[in-house]
N, C-alpha and C. Protein backbone atom coordinates (compact mmCIF):
# COMPACT_ATOMS: atom_id res chain seq x y z
N MET A 1 21.92 -37.47 38.31
CA MET A 1 22.76 -36.82 38.91
C MET A 1 21.98 -35.81 40.10
N THR A 2 22.35 -35.68 41.05
CA THR A 2 21.72 -34.78 41.96
C THR A 2 22.60 -33.45 42.07
N THR A 3 21.88 -32.35 42.07
CA THR A 3 22.30 -30.99 42.05
C THR A 3 22.24 -30.32 43.36
N LYS A 4 23.08 -29.48 43.52
CA LYS A 4 23.38 -28.64 44.85
C LYS A 4 21.55 -28.36 45.14
N ASP A 5 21.13 -27.73 44.25
CA ASP A 5 19.61 -27.10 44.20
C ASP A 5 18.65 -28.24 44.75
N GLN A 6 18.79 -29.42 44.23
CA GLN A 6 18.01 -30.37 44.40
C GLN A 6 18.14 -30.68 46.00
N VAL A 7 19.24 -30.93 46.59
CA VAL A 7 19.39 -31.29 47.98
C VAL A 7 18.98 -30.17 48.88
N SER A 8 19.18 -28.94 48.62
CA SER A 8 19.10 -27.88 49.24
C SER A 8 17.47 -27.51 49.31
N GLU A 9 16.75 -27.80 48.40
CA GLU A 9 15.28 -27.86 48.20
C GLU A 9 14.65 -29.17 48.73
N GLY A 10 15.22 -30.03 49.41
CA GLY A 10 14.43 -31.01 50.04
C GLY A 10 14.51 -32.35 49.39
N GLN A 11 15.05 -32.49 48.22
CA GLN A 11 15.06 -33.84 47.31
C GLN A 11 15.99 -34.65 48.03
N ASN A 12 15.96 -35.83 48.18
CA ASN A 12 16.78 -36.74 48.88
C ASN A 12 17.43 -36.22 50.02
N ARG A 13 16.39 -35.96 50.69
CA ARG A 13 16.69 -35.61 52.13
C ARG A 13 16.38 -36.55 53.52
N PHE A 14 16.15 -37.81 52.83
CA PHE A 14 15.87 -38.92 53.83
C PHE A 14 17.23 -39.11 54.69
N VAL A 15 17.02 -39.23 55.99
CA VAL A 15 18.21 -39.39 56.92
C VAL A 15 19.10 -40.51 56.13
N LEU A 16 18.49 -41.64 55.75
CA LEU A 16 19.21 -42.80 55.15
C LEU A 16 20.04 -42.34 54.01
N ASP A 17 19.50 -41.65 53.00
CA ASP A 17 20.61 -41.12 52.12
C ASP A 17 21.71 -39.99 52.51
N LEU A 18 20.95 -39.17 53.23
CA LEU A 18 22.18 -38.21 53.71
C LEU A 18 23.40 -38.85 54.70
N LEU A 19 22.97 -39.82 55.61
CA LEU A 19 24.02 -40.51 56.30
C LEU A 19 24.90 -41.16 55.39
N HIS A 20 24.25 -41.95 54.30
CA HIS A 20 25.02 -42.54 53.43
C HIS A 20 26.17 -41.86 52.49
N ARG A 21 25.63 -40.66 52.27
CA ARG A 21 26.36 -39.77 51.46
C ARG A 21 27.44 -39.10 52.19
N VAL A 22 27.25 -38.72 53.62
CA VAL A 22 28.25 -38.27 54.48
C VAL A 22 29.32 -39.70 54.81
N GLY A 23 28.75 -40.92 54.78
CA GLY A 23 29.85 -41.70 54.96
C GLY A 23 30.74 -41.98 53.91
N GLN A 24 29.94 -41.76 52.46
CA GLN A 24 30.81 -41.77 51.31
C GLN A 24 31.96 -40.95 51.29
N PHE A 25 31.46 -39.48 51.69
CA PHE A 25 32.29 -38.45 51.61
C PHE A 25 33.64 -38.74 52.74
N ALA A 26 33.30 -39.22 54.06
CA ALA A 26 34.22 -39.38 54.91
C ALA A 26 35.25 -40.43 54.38
N GLU A 27 34.71 -41.66 53.79
CA GLU A 27 35.31 -42.83 53.40
C GLU A 27 36.54 -42.21 52.35
N ALA A 28 35.95 -41.45 51.50
CA ALA A 28 36.68 -40.71 50.38
C ALA A 28 37.96 -39.75 50.96
N GLN A 29 37.63 -39.07 51.88
CA GLN A 29 38.73 -38.33 52.62
C GLN A 29 39.52 -39.04 53.46
N PHE A 30 39.37 -39.98 53.98
CA PHE A 30 40.02 -41.10 54.78
C PHE A 30 41.00 -41.59 53.62
N ALA A 31 40.67 -42.48 52.56
CA ALA A 31 41.34 -42.81 51.51
C ALA A 31 42.58 -41.78 51.07
N HIS A 32 42.07 -40.47 50.91
CA HIS A 32 42.94 -39.62 50.43
C HIS A 32 43.69 -39.35 51.45
N CYS A 33 43.38 -39.32 52.65
CA CYS A 33 44.36 -38.77 53.70
C CYS A 33 45.52 -39.82 54.10
N VAL A 34 45.14 -41.13 54.01
CA VAL A 34 45.76 -42.18 54.30
C VAL A 34 46.87 -42.74 53.14
N GLY A 35 46.61 -42.16 52.12
CA GLY A 35 47.46 -42.31 50.90
C GLY A 35 48.08 -43.49 50.52
N ASN A 36 49.17 -43.94 50.41
CA ASN A 36 49.57 -45.31 50.10
C ASN A 36 49.76 -46.28 50.99
N SER A 37 49.58 -46.00 52.32
CA SER A 37 49.92 -46.78 53.50
C SER A 37 49.15 -48.20 53.47
N GLY A 38 48.10 -48.20 52.83
CA GLY A 38 47.65 -49.56 52.67
C GLY A 38 46.27 -49.78 53.67
N ILE A 39 46.08 -48.96 54.60
CA ILE A 39 45.02 -49.34 55.62
C ILE A 39 43.74 -48.57 55.17
N THR A 40 42.58 -49.40 55.14
CA THR A 40 41.39 -49.02 54.90
C THR A 40 40.47 -48.36 56.35
N SER A 41 39.52 -47.72 56.21
CA SER A 41 38.94 -47.19 57.27
C SER A 41 38.39 -48.21 58.18
N ARG A 42 37.83 -49.26 57.65
CA ARG A 42 37.36 -50.43 58.43
C ARG A 42 38.66 -51.09 59.30
N GLN A 43 39.62 -51.34 58.79
CA GLN A 43 40.59 -51.85 59.11
C GLN A 43 41.12 -51.07 60.23
N TYR A 44 41.19 -49.82 59.94
CA TYR A 44 41.55 -48.85 61.08
C TYR A 44 40.57 -49.07 62.40
N ILE A 45 39.32 -49.05 61.93
CA ILE A 45 38.44 -49.05 63.34
C ILE A 45 38.63 -50.54 64.06
N VAL A 46 38.93 -51.69 63.50
CA VAL A 46 39.18 -52.78 64.01
C VAL A 46 40.51 -52.78 64.91
N LEU A 47 41.66 -52.19 63.99
CA LEU A 47 42.86 -52.26 64.76
C LEU A 47 42.82 -51.34 66.20
N ALA A 48 42.03 -50.19 65.81
CA ALA A 48 41.82 -49.22 66.98
C ALA A 48 40.92 -49.96 68.16
N ALA A 49 40.15 -50.72 68.13
CA ALA A 49 39.19 -51.37 68.90
C ALA A 49 40.09 -52.66 69.70
N ILE A 50 40.87 -53.08 69.19
CA ILE A 50 41.92 -54.23 69.39
C ILE A 50 42.88 -53.32 70.50
N ALA A 51 43.34 -52.39 69.81
CA ALA A 51 44.46 -51.63 70.87
C ALA A 51 43.88 -51.23 72.01
N GLN A 52 42.71 -50.67 72.02
CA GLN A 52 42.00 -50.44 73.19
C GLN A 52 41.80 -51.42 74.21
N SER A 53 41.51 -52.64 73.75
CA SER A 53 41.49 -53.75 74.55
C SER A 53 42.19 -54.96 74.19
N GLU A 54 43.43 -55.20 74.29
CA GLU A 54 44.30 -56.31 73.51
C GLU A 54 43.46 -57.62 74.23
N GLY A 55 43.56 -58.59 73.21
CA GLY A 55 42.98 -59.88 73.59
C GLY A 55 41.83 -60.01 73.25
N LEU A 56 40.98 -59.07 72.59
CA LEU A 56 39.78 -59.58 72.40
C LEU A 56 39.27 -60.64 71.36
N ASN A 57 38.37 -61.16 71.66
CA ASN A 57 37.97 -62.05 70.52
C ASN A 57 36.96 -61.61 69.50
N GLN A 58 36.66 -62.30 68.44
CA GLN A 58 35.87 -61.66 67.28
C GLN A 58 34.57 -61.23 67.69
N ILE A 59 33.87 -61.87 68.52
CA ILE A 59 32.56 -61.29 68.91
C ILE A 59 32.81 -59.84 69.74
N ALA A 60 33.71 -60.04 70.23
CA ALA A 60 33.97 -58.65 71.18
C ALA A 60 34.33 -57.44 69.99
N ILE A 61 34.96 -57.92 69.01
CA ILE A 61 35.37 -56.97 67.96
C ILE A 61 34.13 -56.53 67.20
N VAL A 62 33.25 -57.47 67.07
CA VAL A 62 31.92 -57.00 66.32
C VAL A 62 31.16 -56.16 67.18
N ASN A 63 30.97 -56.28 68.55
CA ASN A 63 30.36 -55.37 69.27
C ASN A 63 31.14 -53.95 69.54
N ALA A 64 32.29 -54.04 69.71
CA ALA A 64 33.09 -52.72 69.74
C ALA A 64 32.97 -52.03 68.14
N THR A 65 32.97 -52.59 67.26
CA THR A 65 32.88 -51.74 66.04
C THR A 65 31.79 -51.54 65.35
N GLY A 66 30.84 -52.45 65.23
CA GLY A 66 29.70 -52.42 64.47
C GLY A 66 29.87 -52.96 63.14
N VAL A 67 31.16 -53.70 62.84
CA VAL A 67 31.30 -54.45 61.67
C VAL A 67 30.67 -55.69 61.85
N ASP A 68 29.80 -56.24 60.91
CA ASP A 68 29.32 -57.54 61.03
C ASP A 68 30.20 -58.70 61.17
N ARG A 69 29.75 -59.90 61.71
CA ARG A 69 30.59 -61.01 61.96
C ARG A 69 31.43 -61.61 61.09
N SER A 70 30.94 -61.52 59.91
CA SER A 70 31.31 -62.38 58.66
C SER A 70 32.62 -61.34 58.31
N THR A 71 32.49 -60.19 58.38
CA THR A 71 33.38 -59.22 57.63
C THR A 71 34.51 -59.35 58.88
N VAL A 72 34.17 -59.30 60.05
CA VAL A 72 35.39 -59.28 61.08
C VAL A 72 36.14 -60.51 60.95
N THR A 73 35.40 -61.60 60.69
CA THR A 73 36.24 -62.98 60.57
C THR A 73 37.02 -62.89 59.45
N GLU A 74 36.60 -62.49 58.32
CA GLU A 74 37.43 -62.33 56.97
C GLU A 74 38.63 -61.51 57.27
N MET A 75 38.35 -60.19 57.78
CA MET A 75 39.34 -58.98 58.01
C MET A 75 40.53 -59.42 59.02
N VAL A 76 39.79 -60.24 60.26
CA VAL A 76 40.92 -60.64 61.02
C VAL A 76 41.91 -61.73 60.25
N GLY A 77 41.37 -62.50 59.69
CA GLY A 77 42.30 -63.56 58.90
C GLY A 77 43.25 -62.83 57.81
N ARG A 78 42.88 -61.64 57.17
CA ARG A 78 43.37 -61.31 56.26
C ARG A 78 44.59 -60.26 57.06
N LEU A 79 44.07 -59.49 58.08
CA LEU A 79 45.41 -58.89 59.04
C LEU A 79 46.21 -59.63 59.59
N VAL A 80 45.90 -61.01 59.92
CA VAL A 80 46.84 -62.01 60.42
C VAL A 80 47.88 -62.29 59.41
N LYS A 81 47.36 -62.40 58.02
CA LYS A 81 48.16 -63.02 57.07
C LYS A 81 49.33 -61.66 56.64
N MET A 82 48.70 -60.36 56.83
CA MET A 82 49.36 -59.16 56.54
C MET A 82 50.47 -59.05 57.68
N GLY A 83 50.20 -59.66 58.94
CA GLY A 83 51.14 -59.44 59.86
C GLY A 83 50.89 -58.49 60.85
N TRP A 84 49.49 -57.99 60.69
CA TRP A 84 49.44 -56.69 61.65
C TRP A 84 48.51 -57.21 62.76
N LEU A 85 48.07 -58.51 62.80
CA LEU A 85 47.49 -59.14 63.96
C LEU A 85 48.06 -60.54 64.29
N ARG A 86 47.82 -60.85 65.58
CA ARG A 86 48.24 -62.01 66.26
C ARG A 86 47.05 -62.83 66.40
N ARG A 87 46.87 -64.10 66.43
CA ARG A 87 45.66 -64.71 66.94
C ARG A 87 46.01 -65.99 67.72
N ARG A 88 45.48 -65.92 68.61
CA ARG A 88 45.97 -67.22 69.82
C ARG A 88 44.86 -67.63 70.59
N ARG A 89 44.74 -68.90 70.74
CA ARG A 89 43.65 -69.39 71.61
C ARG A 89 43.62 -68.78 72.91
N SER A 90 42.33 -68.30 73.18
CA SER A 90 42.08 -67.62 74.32
C SER A 90 42.15 -68.51 75.61
N ARG A 91 42.94 -67.82 76.64
CA ARG A 91 42.89 -68.59 77.92
C ARG A 91 41.40 -68.57 78.75
N LYS A 92 40.51 -67.84 78.38
CA LYS A 92 39.46 -67.72 78.98
C LYS A 92 38.40 -68.57 78.31
N ASP A 93 38.38 -68.85 77.07
CA ASP A 93 37.78 -69.63 76.18
C ASP A 93 38.37 -70.52 75.06
N SER A 94 38.61 -71.80 75.47
CA SER A 94 39.82 -72.61 74.63
C SER A 94 38.79 -72.51 73.34
N ARG A 95 37.54 -72.28 72.93
CA ARG A 95 37.10 -72.42 71.66
C ARG A 95 37.44 -71.41 70.95
N GLY A 96 37.57 -70.22 71.48
CA GLY A 96 37.95 -68.91 70.89
C GLY A 96 39.14 -68.40 70.69
N TYR A 97 39.37 -67.38 70.02
CA TYR A 97 40.73 -66.82 69.95
C TYR A 97 40.91 -65.32 70.43
N ALA A 98 42.13 -65.11 70.99
CA ALA A 98 42.33 -63.71 71.43
C ALA A 98 43.09 -63.09 70.38
N VAL A 99 42.94 -61.86 70.01
CA VAL A 99 43.41 -61.21 68.93
C VAL A 99 44.31 -59.97 69.55
N THR A 100 45.52 -60.02 69.14
CA THR A 100 46.50 -58.74 69.67
C THR A 100 47.32 -58.20 68.43
N LEU A 101 47.48 -56.93 68.48
CA LEU A 101 48.34 -56.21 67.52
C LEU A 101 49.93 -56.70 67.40
N THR A 102 50.31 -56.70 66.20
CA THR A 102 51.59 -56.89 66.11
C THR A 102 52.76 -55.41 66.12
N ARG A 103 53.65 -55.39 65.94
CA ARG A 103 54.28 -54.08 65.65
C ARG A 103 53.75 -53.43 64.47
N LYS A 104 53.89 -54.45 63.33
CA LYS A 104 53.31 -53.72 62.04
C LYS A 104 52.02 -53.21 62.14
N GLY A 105 51.14 -53.72 62.86
CA GLY A 105 49.81 -53.52 63.23
C GLY A 105 49.81 -52.29 64.05
N ARG A 106 50.51 -52.21 64.74
CA ARG A 106 50.86 -50.61 65.46
C ARG A 106 51.06 -49.29 64.66
N ASN A 107 52.17 -49.79 63.70
CA ASN A 107 52.56 -48.91 62.69
C ASN A 107 51.33 -48.54 61.98
N ALA A 108 50.48 -49.62 61.44
CA ALA A 108 49.48 -49.27 60.51
C ALA A 108 48.41 -48.37 61.33
N LEU A 109 48.06 -48.85 62.60
CA LEU A 109 47.49 -47.95 63.52
C LEU A 109 47.56 -46.50 63.52
N LYS A 110 48.99 -46.21 63.46
CA LYS A 110 49.47 -44.78 63.60
C LYS A 110 48.87 -44.18 62.24
N ASP A 111 49.19 -44.75 61.35
CA ASP A 111 48.81 -44.34 59.92
C ASP A 111 47.30 -44.00 59.94
N GLY A 112 46.63 -44.95 60.24
CA GLY A 112 45.04 -44.92 60.30
C GLY A 112 44.75 -43.56 61.28
N GLU A 113 45.30 -43.42 62.34
CA GLU A 113 45.16 -42.30 63.47
C GLU A 113 45.25 -41.14 62.82
N ALA A 114 46.34 -40.86 62.00
CA ALA A 114 46.44 -39.71 61.58
C ALA A 114 45.43 -39.33 60.55
N ALA A 115 45.12 -40.14 59.55
CA ALA A 115 44.33 -39.92 58.47
C ALA A 115 42.87 -39.94 59.12
N ALA A 116 42.65 -40.34 60.24
CA ALA A 116 41.04 -40.43 61.05
C ALA A 116 41.07 -38.71 61.61
N ARG A 117 42.27 -38.35 61.98
CA ARG A 117 42.20 -36.95 62.55
C ARG A 117 41.83 -35.99 61.50
N GLU A 118 42.70 -36.21 60.24
CA GLU A 118 42.49 -35.35 59.15
C GLU A 118 41.14 -35.47 58.67
N THR A 119 40.70 -36.74 58.69
CA THR A 119 39.32 -36.95 58.00
C THR A 119 38.56 -36.09 58.88
N ASP A 120 38.34 -36.31 60.06
CA ASP A 120 37.44 -35.64 61.25
C ASP A 120 37.57 -34.25 61.09
N GLU A 121 38.62 -33.54 60.82
CA GLU A 121 38.70 -31.88 60.55
C GLU A 121 38.15 -31.51 59.29
N LYS A 122 38.65 -32.16 58.24
CA LYS A 122 37.77 -31.92 56.68
C LYS A 122 36.10 -32.23 56.90
N VAL A 123 35.81 -33.19 57.44
CA VAL A 123 34.21 -33.37 57.58
C VAL A 123 33.64 -32.41 58.49
N LEU A 124 34.25 -32.24 59.77
CA LEU A 124 33.44 -31.21 60.64
C LEU A 124 33.80 -29.63 60.15
N ALA A 125 34.77 -29.55 59.14
CA ALA A 125 34.95 -28.06 58.78
C ALA A 125 33.77 -27.50 58.27
N VAL A 126 32.84 -28.02 57.78
CA VAL A 126 31.55 -27.50 57.06
C VAL A 126 30.91 -27.06 58.34
N PHE A 127 31.05 -27.17 59.66
CA PHE A 127 29.99 -26.93 60.64
C PHE A 127 30.67 -25.77 61.46
N PRO A 128 30.00 -25.00 62.06
CA PRO A 128 30.58 -23.89 62.93
C PRO A 128 31.34 -24.62 64.11
N ALA A 129 32.52 -24.19 64.80
CA ALA A 129 33.26 -24.95 65.61
C ALA A 129 31.98 -24.96 66.86
N ALA A 130 31.09 -24.23 67.25
CA ALA A 130 30.14 -24.39 68.44
C ALA A 130 29.21 -25.62 68.27
N ARG A 131 29.11 -25.67 67.00
CA ARG A 131 27.88 -26.82 66.79
C ARG A 131 28.63 -28.10 66.34
N ARG A 132 30.03 -28.32 66.27
CA ARG A 132 30.50 -29.69 66.19
C ARG A 132 30.27 -30.30 67.26
N ASP A 133 30.28 -30.07 68.33
CA ASP A 133 29.90 -31.21 69.63
C ASP A 133 28.62 -31.83 69.64
N GLN A 134 27.61 -30.89 69.33
CA GLN A 134 26.18 -31.09 69.14
C GLN A 134 26.07 -32.39 68.03
N LEU A 135 26.78 -31.98 66.92
CA LEU A 135 26.79 -33.12 65.92
C LEU A 135 27.26 -34.49 66.24
N LEU A 136 28.59 -34.35 66.93
CA LEU A 136 29.13 -35.58 67.22
C LEU A 136 28.26 -36.09 68.34
N GLU A 137 27.53 -35.52 69.49
CA GLU A 137 26.68 -36.01 70.22
C GLU A 137 25.41 -36.70 69.80
N ALA A 138 24.67 -36.03 68.66
CA ALA A 138 23.70 -36.66 67.92
C ALA A 138 24.13 -37.82 67.23
N LEU A 139 25.12 -37.88 66.70
CA LEU A 139 25.71 -39.20 65.97
C LEU A 139 25.82 -40.32 66.87
N GLY A 140 26.56 -39.85 67.96
CA GLY A 140 26.69 -40.95 69.08
C GLY A 140 25.55 -41.57 69.63
N LYS A 141 24.57 -40.62 69.73
CA LYS A 141 22.99 -41.15 70.08
C LYS A 141 22.59 -42.25 69.21
N ILE A 142 22.62 -41.81 67.98
CA ILE A 142 22.19 -42.78 66.99
C ILE A 142 23.00 -43.89 66.84
N VAL A 143 24.35 -43.91 66.90
CA VAL A 143 25.01 -45.25 67.24
C VAL A 143 24.58 -45.92 68.34
N GLU A 144 24.31 -45.30 69.55
CA GLU A 144 24.06 -46.07 70.69
C GLU A 144 22.62 -46.60 70.47
N VAL A 145 21.61 -46.02 69.95
CA VAL A 145 20.31 -46.65 69.67
C VAL A 145 20.57 -47.77 68.87
N ALA A 146 21.24 -47.56 67.94
CA ALA A 146 21.33 -48.76 66.65
C ALA A 146 22.05 -49.88 67.21
N ALA A 147 23.07 -49.78 68.33
CA ALA A 147 23.68 -50.96 68.68
C ALA A 147 22.96 -51.46 69.68
N TYR A 148 22.29 -50.74 70.88
CA TYR A 148 21.74 -51.16 72.03
C TYR A 148 20.45 -51.25 72.25
N GLY A 149 19.64 -50.31 71.53
CA GLY A 149 18.32 -50.24 71.51
C GLY A 149 17.55 -51.12 70.68
N HIS A 150 18.27 -51.49 69.78
CA HIS A 150 17.98 -52.64 68.51
C HIS A 150 18.16 -54.02 69.39
N ARG A 151 19.09 -54.12 70.06
CA ARG A 151 19.45 -55.31 70.44
C ARG A 151 18.50 -55.57 71.74
N SER A 152 18.21 -54.59 72.36
CA SER A 152 17.44 -54.79 73.47
C SER A 152 15.99 -54.99 73.11
N SER A 153 15.34 -54.50 72.09
CA SER A 153 14.24 -54.73 71.77
C SER A 153 14.11 -56.05 71.13
N VAL A 154 15.05 -56.68 70.26
CA VAL A 154 15.06 -57.99 69.75
C VAL A 154 14.95 -58.80 70.91
N TRP A 155 16.19 -58.79 72.14
CA TRP A 155 16.08 -59.53 73.37
C TRP A 155 14.72 -59.73 73.91
N ARG A 156 13.91 -58.36 73.83
CA ARG A 156 12.43 -58.51 74.46
C ARG A 156 11.61 -59.25 73.99
N ALA A 157 11.86 -59.08 72.53
CA ALA A 157 10.97 -59.60 71.74
C ALA A 157 10.89 -61.38 71.82
N SER A 158 12.20 -61.86 71.84
CA SER A 158 12.68 -63.27 71.82
C SER A 158 12.29 -64.00 73.20
N GLU A 159 12.37 -62.93 74.31
CA GLU A 159 12.09 -63.41 75.60
C GLU A 159 10.50 -63.48 75.96
N LEU A 160 9.74 -62.72 75.15
CA LEU A 160 8.46 -62.56 75.27
C LEU A 160 7.59 -63.98 74.63
N ARG A 161 8.45 -64.09 73.31
CA ARG A 161 7.90 -65.45 72.75
C ARG A 161 8.10 -66.64 73.62
N LEU A 162 9.42 -66.80 73.93
CA LEU A 162 9.87 -67.76 74.90
C LEU A 162 8.90 -67.99 75.98
N ARG A 163 8.57 -66.85 76.57
CA ARG A 163 7.55 -66.94 77.71
C ARG A 163 6.13 -67.38 77.44
N LEU A 164 5.68 -66.93 76.13
CA LEU A 164 4.30 -67.43 75.76
C LEU A 164 4.38 -68.82 75.37
N ARG A 165 5.50 -69.27 74.62
CA ARG A 165 5.56 -70.59 74.36
C ARG A 165 5.66 -71.63 75.63
N ARG A 166 6.40 -71.11 76.74
CA ARG A 166 6.16 -71.78 78.15
C ARG A 166 4.69 -71.98 78.71
N ARG A 167 3.84 -70.93 78.45
CA ARG A 167 2.68 -70.88 79.01
C ARG A 167 1.82 -71.76 78.33
N LYS A 168 2.09 -71.73 77.11
CA LYS A 168 1.25 -72.99 76.20
C LYS A 168 1.56 -74.32 76.41
N LEU A 169 2.64 -74.46 76.77
CA LEU A 169 3.16 -76.13 77.45
C LEU A 169 2.43 -76.34 78.59
């Protein structure tokens, strides 16, 4: 068990551990704030992404949320069964599906928005008001690098391998 003194003295101070613990705290706060409405934080994130851009396909949802592809596939199927989403063949790509919110989905999103706002307030309350924007900016930068920096480096590596193969042929 970790004590307050251990954390403040530098034990368990790896970014990985700290972000994990903050995530757990935020998840617990969201669950408490949302009460019995039945929406989870991940469902809220997916519904919010779809609400911002109706008609997204599942790959676009993955890109917008950072939730992995298999989880999004399973979640969209579950949310369709719950009546929160509607899935139809895409007009742009007949192989894919466009996902939209239903009235029930919009109501669930409203419950999630209220819980997300309250969660933000509780999590950010430990920071002086003047430093909250700095924290949000720093976290946003980490997310940006994780989402785009990693993909671009993976793309560059695969592009380099492809070019090297072509030279050998």
